[in-house]
C-alpha cells in the first residue's frame, strides 16, 4: 500500500463550510481515480493554535496509482477550485505501508 499524507494549514478566516467543501471534494475523488483505494480527511480538534486544520490520508495500490492521482484532472480541479482559495500552507509525505 502506498500512502500520501498531507497537512493543510488554512487561512485564519476560513469558515467551517469552506473546510467541509474541501473535505467533500476529497471524498468525491473516491471511485474516480484508478488505484485510489481510500480517502480519509480529518479536521484538527483545535487544541493547539499552531496546528494545521486538515489531515489528508490517501491510500493507493502503488506509487504509479499515486502519480495518476497527482496529475488527474479531478484532483487538479479540487486544488484549483476548493483548496487554493483557502490554503495558507501545505506539507506532504509519501510512504509505503
Protein backbone atom coordinates (compact mmCIF):
# COMPACT_ATOMS: atom_id res chain seq x y z
CA UNK A 1 0.00 0.00 0.00
CA UNK A 2 1.31 3.45 -0.94
CA UNK A 3 0.16 6.33 1.30
CA UNK A 4 0.07 10.06 0.56
CA UNK A 5 -0.31 12.01 3.81
CA UNK A 6 -0.76 15.74 3.89
CA UNK A 7 -1.42 18.51 6.34
CA UNK A 8 -3.22 21.58 5.11
CA UNK A 9 -2.96 24.81 7.06
CA UNK A 10 -5.82 27.05 6.03
CA UNK A 11 -6.15 30.81 6.14
CA UNK A 12 -7.33 32.18 9.51
CA UNK A 13 -10.65 33.41 8.09
CA UNK A 14 -11.67 30.01 6.68
CA UNK A 15 -15.21 29.00 7.60
CA UNK A 16 -16.46 25.59 8.67
CA UNK A 17 -18.41 25.45 5.42
CA UNK A 18 -15.27 26.07 3.36
CA UNK A 19 -13.45 23.35 5.28
CA UNK A 20 -16.30 20.95 4.61
CA UNK A 21 -16.23 21.88 0.92
CA UNK A 22 -12.59 20.79 0.78
CA UNK A 23 -13.31 17.57 2.71
CA UNK A 24 -16.24 16.75 0.42
CA UNK A 25 -14.03 17.36 -2.62
CA UNK A 26 -11.55 14.74 -1.47
CA UNK A 27 -14.41 12.30 -0.86
CA UNK A 28 -15.65 12.83 -4.40
CA UNK A 29 -12.33 11.53 -5.76
CA UNK A 30 -13.02 8.02 -4.44
CA UNK A 31 -14.08 5.78 -7.28
CA UNK A 32 -12.97 8.30 -9.93
CA UNK A 33 -9.24 7.60 -9.99
CA UNK A 34 -7.88 4.12 -10.69
CA UNK A 35 -5.77 2.79 -7.87
CA UNK A 36 -7.07 5.22 -5.23
CA UNK A 37 -8.13 2.81 -2.52
CA UNK A 38 -9.15 5.02 0.41
CA UNK A 39 -9.53 8.68 1.29
CA UNK A 40 -9.62 9.90 4.87
CA UNK A 41 -9.69 13.59 5.71
CA UNK A 42 -9.78 14.65 9.36
CA UNK A 43 -10.31 18.05 10.96
CA UNK A 44 -8.00 19.13 13.71
CA UNK A 45 -9.71 19.43 17.09
CA UNK A 46 -8.30 22.92 17.58
CA UNK A 47 -6.44 22.12 20.80
CA UNK A 48 -3.30 23.97 19.70
CA UNK A 49 -3.20 27.24 17.80
CA UNK A 50 -0.32 26.26 15.53
CA UNK A 51 -1.81 23.05 14.15
CA UNK A 52 -2.85 22.52 10.56
CA UNK A 53 -6.62 22.32 10.16
CA UNK A 54 -6.87 19.26 7.91
CA UNK A 55 -5.05 15.94 7.73
CA UNK A 56 -5.43 14.05 4.45
CA UNK A 57 -4.56 10.36 4.24
CA UNK A 58 -4.93 8.83 0.80
CA UNK A 59 -4.08 5.19 0.20
CA UNK A 60 -3.16 3.85 -3.23
CA UNK A 61 -2.44 0.45 -4.69
CA UNK A 62 1.06 1.56 -5.60
CA UNK A 63 3.23 4.54 -6.48
CA UNK A 64 2.03 4.58 -10.07
CA UNK A 65 -1.55 4.97 -8.83
CA UNK A 66 -0.49 7.96 -6.75
CA UNK A 67 1.20 9.50 -9.80
CA UNK A 68 -2.05 9.11 -11.77
CA UNK A 69 -3.92 10.80 -8.91
CA UNK A 70 -1.37 13.63 -8.71
CA UNK A 71 -1.90 14.53 -12.37
CA UNK A 72 -5.59 13.61 -12.67
CA UNK A 73 -7.90 16.45 -13.83
CA UNK A 74 -10.33 15.84 -10.94
CA UNK A 75 -7.51 16.24 -8.42
CA UNK A 76 -6.20 19.33 -10.18
CA UNK A 77 -9.71 20.83 -10.14
CA UNK A 78 -10.01 20.12 -6.40
CA UNK A 79 -6.79 22.03 -5.82
CA UNK A 80 -7.73 24.99 -8.01
CA UNK A 81 -11.38 25.34 -7.02
CA UNK A 82 -11.56 24.28 -3.38
CA UNK A 83 -8.14 24.16 -1.77
CA UNK A 84 -6.16 27.07 -3.26
CA UNK A 85 -8.67 29.77 -2.23
CA UNK A 86 -8.32 28.84 1.47
CA UNK A 87 -4.79 27.39 1.63
CA UNK A 88 -2.10 29.01 3.74
CA UNK A 89 0.49 26.23 3.60
CA UNK A 90 0.81 22.52 2.98
CA UNK A 91 3.14 19.67 3.83
CA UNK A 92 3.14 16.12 2.43
CA UNK A 93 4.91 12.82 2.83
CA UNK A 94 4.56 9.63 0.85
CA UNK A 95 5.38 6.26 2.35
CA UNK A 96 4.76 2.57 1.87
CA UNK A 97 2.84 0.57 4.41
